[in-house]
């Protein structure tokens, strides 16, 4: 089974995708392209980052889920180990993905306050920059220094040792399942009035369903108009979940509710 994820080879997304597809992994540098390709049937699976414990949600992923219809079939939690990689001690730039730079902000400000920070498409792209230019260091997994070009100057430089990223495995919408301990769905009410959000949350509280994430994103239709991304700790197969979603669908009768599916979670160490 071939999976598509963020590349080039060596990204944290690549490592997470290894739990899904072993060696059958293809790469792109756009989360939106991953979701679009799976929705179009070009790939059987896609692996996308959706949330980091330090920097929060990956908004491009959320927006892609609202734009393209896919099924979420699995969750992979990956603890993040950042290392500073370079050809030598002297460098003037640190290149990495924006999330990685933010996750190591404290370390960089303390030890390298004068270096320039360069945002690139992925941690692996930053590693590639460091291999090509001795004046550039990278932030990435320490295993990226396995060849003779780069050295690990420091390990575990993330600001918090609990740093972890949540990835979702997406499949064509026809593979959506109701089995799993967690469920993700998207709600576009297409209405706005006082108490709307409370009205959308109460059906879950009344049925003892834990909400594990609630996030709003601009709909793109008009200012102040939002799409809501909601995760719950319950499966679609459960009667309480079906009852709660029925209430949500009546609230959003002028808009839509997209059930991404139910799935189980797995923590993968690298």
Protein backbone atom coordinates (compact mmCIF):
# COMPACT_ATOMS: atom_id res chain seq x y z
CA UNK A 1 0.00 0.00 0.00
CA UNK A 2 1.56 3.28 -1.12
CA UNK A 3 1.29 6.35 1.11
CA UNK A 4 1.89 10.01 0.32
CA UNK A 5 3.37 12.34 2.93
CA UNK A 6 5.50 15.44 3.40
CA UNK A 7 8.99 15.13 1.99
CA UNK A 8 11.71 14.89 1.09
CA UNK A 9 12.86 11.70 2.80
CA UNK A 10 13.83 12.15 6.44
CA UNK A 11 10.95 14.32 7.67
CA UNK A 12 9.02 13.45 10.81
CA UNK A 13 6.06 12.84 8.50
CA UNK A 14 8.19 10.30 6.65
CA UNK A 15 8.93 8.51 9.92
CA UNK A 16 5.25 8.45 10.86
CA UNK A 17 4.33 7.16 7.38
CA UNK A 18 6.74 4.26 7.92
CA UNK A 19 4.17 2.82 10.35
CA UNK A 20 1.66 2.75 7.50
CA UNK A 21 3.45 1.84 4.31
CA UNK A 22 7.01 0.68 5.06
CA UNK A 23 9.02 1.40 1.91
CA UNK A 24 6.11 2.37 -0.35
CA UNK A 25 6.19 6.06 0.50
CA UNK A 26 5.95 8.96 -1.94
CA UNK A 27 6.60 12.60 -1.12
CA UNK A 28 5.21 16.06 -1.76
CA UNK A 29 5.85 19.38 -0.05
CA UNK A 30 2.20 20.35 0.43
CA UNK A 31 -0.27 19.01 2.98
CA UNK A 32 -3.12 20.11 0.72
CA UNK A 33 -1.64 18.07 -2.13
CA UNK A 34 -1.62 14.97 0.11
CA UNK A 35 -5.31 15.26 0.97
CA UNK A 36 -6.28 16.16 -2.60
CA UNK A 37 -4.35 13.18 -4.03
CA UNK A 38 -6.00 10.73 -1.64
CA UNK A 39 -9.45 12.22 -2.27
CA UNK A 40 -8.85 11.81 -6.01
CA UNK A 41 -7.81 8.17 -5.67
CA UNK A 42 -4.18 8.69 -6.67
CA UNK A 43 -2.90 7.24 -3.39
CA UNK A 44 -4.37 4.68 -1.01
CA UNK A 45 -3.16 6.53 2.08
CA UNK A 46 -1.93 9.94 3.11
CA UNK A 47 -0.17 10.87 6.34
CA UNK A 48 -0.59 14.47 7.46
CA UNK A 49 0.42 16.34 10.62
CA UNK A 50 -2.53 17.96 12.36
CA UNK A 51 -1.36 19.06 15.79
CA UNK A 52 1.78 19.64 17.83
CA UNK A 53 1.82 19.70 21.61
CA UNK A 54 3.80 22.98 21.66
CA UNK A 55 2.74 24.92 18.58
CA UNK A 56 -0.84 23.70 18.22
CA UNK A 57 -2.77 22.87 15.07
CA UNK A 58 -1.46 22.61 11.53
CA UNK A 59 -4.07 24.82 9.93
CA UNK A 60 -3.29 23.75 6.36
CA UNK A 61 -4.36 20.21 7.26
CA UNK A 62 -7.63 21.38 8.81
CA UNK A 63 -8.45 23.54 5.79
CA UNK A 64 -7.69 20.66 3.42
CA UNK A 65 -10.08 18.36 5.33
CA UNK A 66 -12.81 20.95 4.87
CA UNK A 67 -12.07 21.31 1.15
CA UNK A 68 -11.68 17.64 0.11
CA UNK A 69 -13.65 14.58 1.19
CA UNK A 70 -11.48 11.89 2.74
CA UNK A 71 -11.75 9.38 5.57
CA UNK A 72 -9.57 9.41 8.67
CA UNK A 73 -8.66 5.80 9.45
CA UNK A 74 -5.84 6.01 12.00
CA UNK A 75 -4.03 8.34 14.37
CA UNK A 76 -0.27 8.23 14.95
CA UNK A 77 1.36 10.11 17.82
CA UNK A 78 5.09 10.65 17.39
CA UNK A 79 7.31 12.15 20.13
CA UNK A 80 9.56 14.75 18.51
CA UNK A 81 13.33 14.74 19.09
CA UNK A 82 15.01 17.76 17.58
CA UNK A 83 18.76 18.00 17.07
CA UNK A 84 20.97 20.79 15.75
CA UNK A 85 22.80 19.49 12.69
CA UNK A 86 25.63 21.18 10.78
CA UNK A 87 28.90 20.51 8.99
CA UNK A 88 30.80 22.39 11.70
CA UNK A 89 30.50 24.80 14.61
CA UNK A 90 30.51 27.94 12.45
CA UNK A 91 27.24 28.86 10.75
CA UNK A 92 25.12 31.96 10.32
CA UNK A 93 21.73 30.47 9.47
CA UNK A 94 19.48 27.79 10.93
CA UNK A 95 17.04 26.35 8.40
CA UNK A 96 14.02 24.20 9.22
CA UNK A 97 10.25 23.96 9.06
CA UNK A 98 8.45 26.82 10.80
CA UNK A 99 7.04 24.47 13.45
CA UNK A 100 10.49 23.06 14.29
CA UNK A 101 12.01 26.54 14.57
CA UNK A 102 9.19 27.57 16.90
CA UNK A 103 9.52 24.42 19.00
CA UNK A 104 13.22 25.20 19.58
CA UNK A 105 12.82 28.95 20.03
CA UNK A 106 14.14 29.03 23.59
CA UNK A 107 17.25 26.99 22.81
CA UNK A 108 18.11 29.10 19.77
CA UNK A 109 17.61 32.39 21.61
CA UNK A 110 19.86 31.22 24.43
CA UNK A 111 22.68 29.62 22.45
CA UNK A 112 22.52 31.26 19.00
CA UNK A 113 20.84 34.65 19.44
CA UNK A 114 22.53 36.18 16.38
CA UNK A 115 21.86 33.52 13.75
CA UNK A 116 19.31 34.06 10.99
CA UNK A 117 16.32 31.72 10.96
CA UNK A 118 15.24 30.41 7.56
CA UNK A 119 11.85 28.78 7.11
CA UNK A 120 11.75 25.92 4.58
CA UNK A 121 9.07 23.43 3.52
CA UNK A 122 10.17 20.63 5.87
CA UNK A 123 12.82 19.61 8.39
CA UNK A 124 14.32 17.36 5.71
CA UNK A 125 14.60 20.31 3.33
CA UNK A 126 16.53 22.16 6.05
CA UNK A 127 18.84 19.17 6.44
CA UNK A 128 19.41 19.23 2.69
CA UNK A 129 20.33 22.92 2.91
CA UNK A 130 22.83 22.16 5.67
CA UNK A 131 24.43 19.39 3.61
CA UNK A 132 24.87 21.76 0.68
CA UNK A 133 26.08 24.82 2.62
CA UNK A 134 28.53 24.80 5.53
CA UNK A 135 27.13 28.15 6.64
CA UNK A 136 23.70 26.65 7.31
CA UNK A 137 22.65 24.48 10.25
CA UNK A 138 19.43 22.48 10.39
CA UNK A 139 16.96 21.29 12.99
CA UNK A 140 15.80 17.72 12.50
CA UNK A 141 15.88 14.19 13.84
CA UNK A 142 19.43 13.19 14.90
CA UNK A 143 19.31 10.21 12.52
CA UNK A 144 19.55 12.71 9.64
CA UNK A 145 23.25 13.04 10.46
CA UNK A 146 23.96 9.39 9.73
CA UNK A 147 26.20 10.20 6.75
CA UNK A 148 29.62 11.87 7.02
CA UNK A 149 28.46 15.32 5.94
CA UNK A 150 26.66 16.53 9.06
CA UNK A 151 27.44 16.43 12.76
CA UNK A 152 25.01 16.43 15.66
CA UNK A 153 25.96 19.59 17.58
CA UNK A 154 23.21 19.19 20.19
CA UNK A 155 20.34 16.77 20.83
CA UNK A 156 16.89 17.20 22.35
CA UNK A 157 16.89 20.96 21.81
CA UNK A 158 13.08 21.27 21.79
CA UNK A 159 11.82 23.62 24.46
CA UNK A 160 9.72 20.89 26.11
CA UNK A 161 10.59 17.23 26.48
CA UNK A 162 6.90 16.35 26.07
CA UNK A 163 6.99 17.63 22.47
CA UNK A 164 4.90 15.34 20.25
CA UNK A 165 3.10 15.60 16.94
CA UNK A 166 -0.22 14.05 16.04
CA UNK A 167 -0.58 12.68 12.52
CA UNK A 168 -3.77 11.46 10.86
CA UNK A 169 -3.83 8.74 8.22
CA UNK A 170 -6.34 9.55 5.51
CA UNK A 171 -7.91 7.22 2.95
CA UNK A 172 -10.49 7.58 0.16
CA UNK A 173 -13.89 8.51 1.58
CA UNK A 174 -15.33 5.08 0.74
CA UNK A 175 -13.08 3.53 3.41
CA UNK A 176 -14.59 5.52 6.25
CA UNK A 177 -15.39 3.31 9.23
CA UNK A 178 -17.54 3.69 12.32
CA UNK A 179 -15.19 1.49 14.39
CA UNK A 180 -12.68 3.17 16.68
CA UNK A 181 -12.24 4.89 20.02
CA UNK A 182 -12.02 8.41 18.53
CA UNK A 183 -14.03 10.28 15.91
CA UNK A 184 -13.36 13.43 13.89
CA UNK A 185 -15.96 15.52 12.11
CA UNK A 186 -16.37 18.99 10.66
CA UNK A 187 -19.37 21.26 11.07
CA UNK A 188 -20.26 24.25 8.90
CA UNK A 189 -23.46 25.69 10.46
CA UNK A 190 -23.84 28.52 7.91
CA UNK A 191 -25.66 30.47 10.64
CA UNK A 192 -24.52 32.70 13.48
CA UNK A 193 -26.37 33.66 16.64
CA UNK A 194 -25.62 34.04 20.38
CA UNK A 195 -25.13 30.65 22.02
CA UNK A 196 -24.49 28.74 18.76
CA UNK A 197 -21.25 27.13 19.95
CA UNK A 198 -22.77 26.21 23.32
CA UNK A 199 -25.73 24.67 21.51
CA UNK A 200 -23.32 22.57 19.43
CA UNK A 201 -21.36 21.36 22.45
CA UNK A 202 -24.23 20.52 24.80
CA UNK A 203 -25.33 17.32 22.97
CA UNK A 204 -21.94 15.76 23.79
CA UNK A 205 -21.87 16.85 27.43
CA UNK A 206 -25.42 15.54 27.92
CA UNK A 207 -24.31 12.11 26.62
CA UNK A 208 -21.04 11.99 28.59
CA UNK A 209 -18.90 12.24 25.45
CA UNK A 210 -15.50 13.86 25.98
CA UNK A 211 -14.50 16.51 23.45
CA UNK A 212 -10.77 16.17 22.81
CA UNK A 213 -10.47 19.10 20.39
CA UNK A 214 -12.69 21.94 19.19
CA UNK A 215 -11.26 24.45 16.74
CA UNK A 216 -12.72 27.04 14.41
CA UNK A 217 -11.30 28.00 11.01
CA UNK A 218 -12.51 30.74 8.65
CA UNK A 219 -14.93 29.34 6.09
CA UNK A 220 -13.61 31.61 3.36
CA UNK A 221 -17.17 32.61 2.53
CA UNK A 222 -17.32 35.86 4.53
CA UNK A 223 -15.66 37.56 7.48
CA UNK A 224 -16.73 36.08 10.82
CA UNK A 225 -18.04 32.87 9.23
CA UNK A 226 -16.46 29.67 10.59
CA UNK A 227 -16.05 25.95 10.09
CA UNK A 228 -15.70 23.91 13.30
CA UNK A 229 -13.34 20.94 13.60
CA UNK A 230 -14.35 18.63 16.44
CA UNK A 231 -12.76 15.46 17.83
CA UNK A 232 -14.46 13.25 20.40
CA UNK A 233 -13.43 10.25 22.48
CA UNK A 234 -16.15 7.95 21.16
CA UNK A 235 -16.82 5.88 18.06
CA UNK A 236 -19.43 6.48 15.39
CA UNK A 237 -20.76 2.99 16.09
CA UNK A 238 -21.98 4.14 19.51
CA UNK A 239 -25.64 5.12 19.87
CA UNK A 240 -24.74 8.16 21.99
CA UNK A 241 -22.49 9.46 19.19
CA UNK A 242 -25.16 8.96 16.56
CA UNK A 243 -27.72 10.74 18.75
CA UNK A 244 -25.40 13.70 19.38
CA UNK A 245 -24.55 14.06 15.69
CA UNK A 246 -28.23 14.00 14.79
CA UNK A 247 -28.69 17.07 16.97
CA UNK A 248 -25.66 18.73 15.37
CA UNK A 249 -27.01 18.03 11.89
CA UNK A 250 -30.31 19.68 12.79
CA UNK A 251 -28.45 22.75 14.05
CA UNK A 252 -26.41 22.86 10.82
CA UNK A 253 -29.34 22.16 8.50
CA UNK A 254 -28.45 25.23 6.42
CA UNK A 255 -24.82 24.10 6.18
CA UNK A 256 -23.23 20.66 6.42
CA UNK A 257 -21.63 18.09 8.72
CA UNK A 258 -18.75 15.96 7.43
CA UNK A 259 -18.04 12.74 9.31
CA UNK A 260 -14.37 12.00 8.75
CA UNK A 261 -14.68 8.66 10.51
CA UNK A 262 -13.68 6.75 13.62
CA UNK A 263 -10.21 5.41 14.30
CA UNK A 264 -7.79 4.22 16.96
CA UNK A 265 -4.60 5.90 18.16
CA UNK A 266 -1.06 4.53 18.19
CA UNK A 267 2.14 6.05 19.61
CA UNK A 268 5.24 5.36 17.52
CA UNK A 269 8.76 5.98 18.84
CA UNK A 270 11.72 6.78 16.58
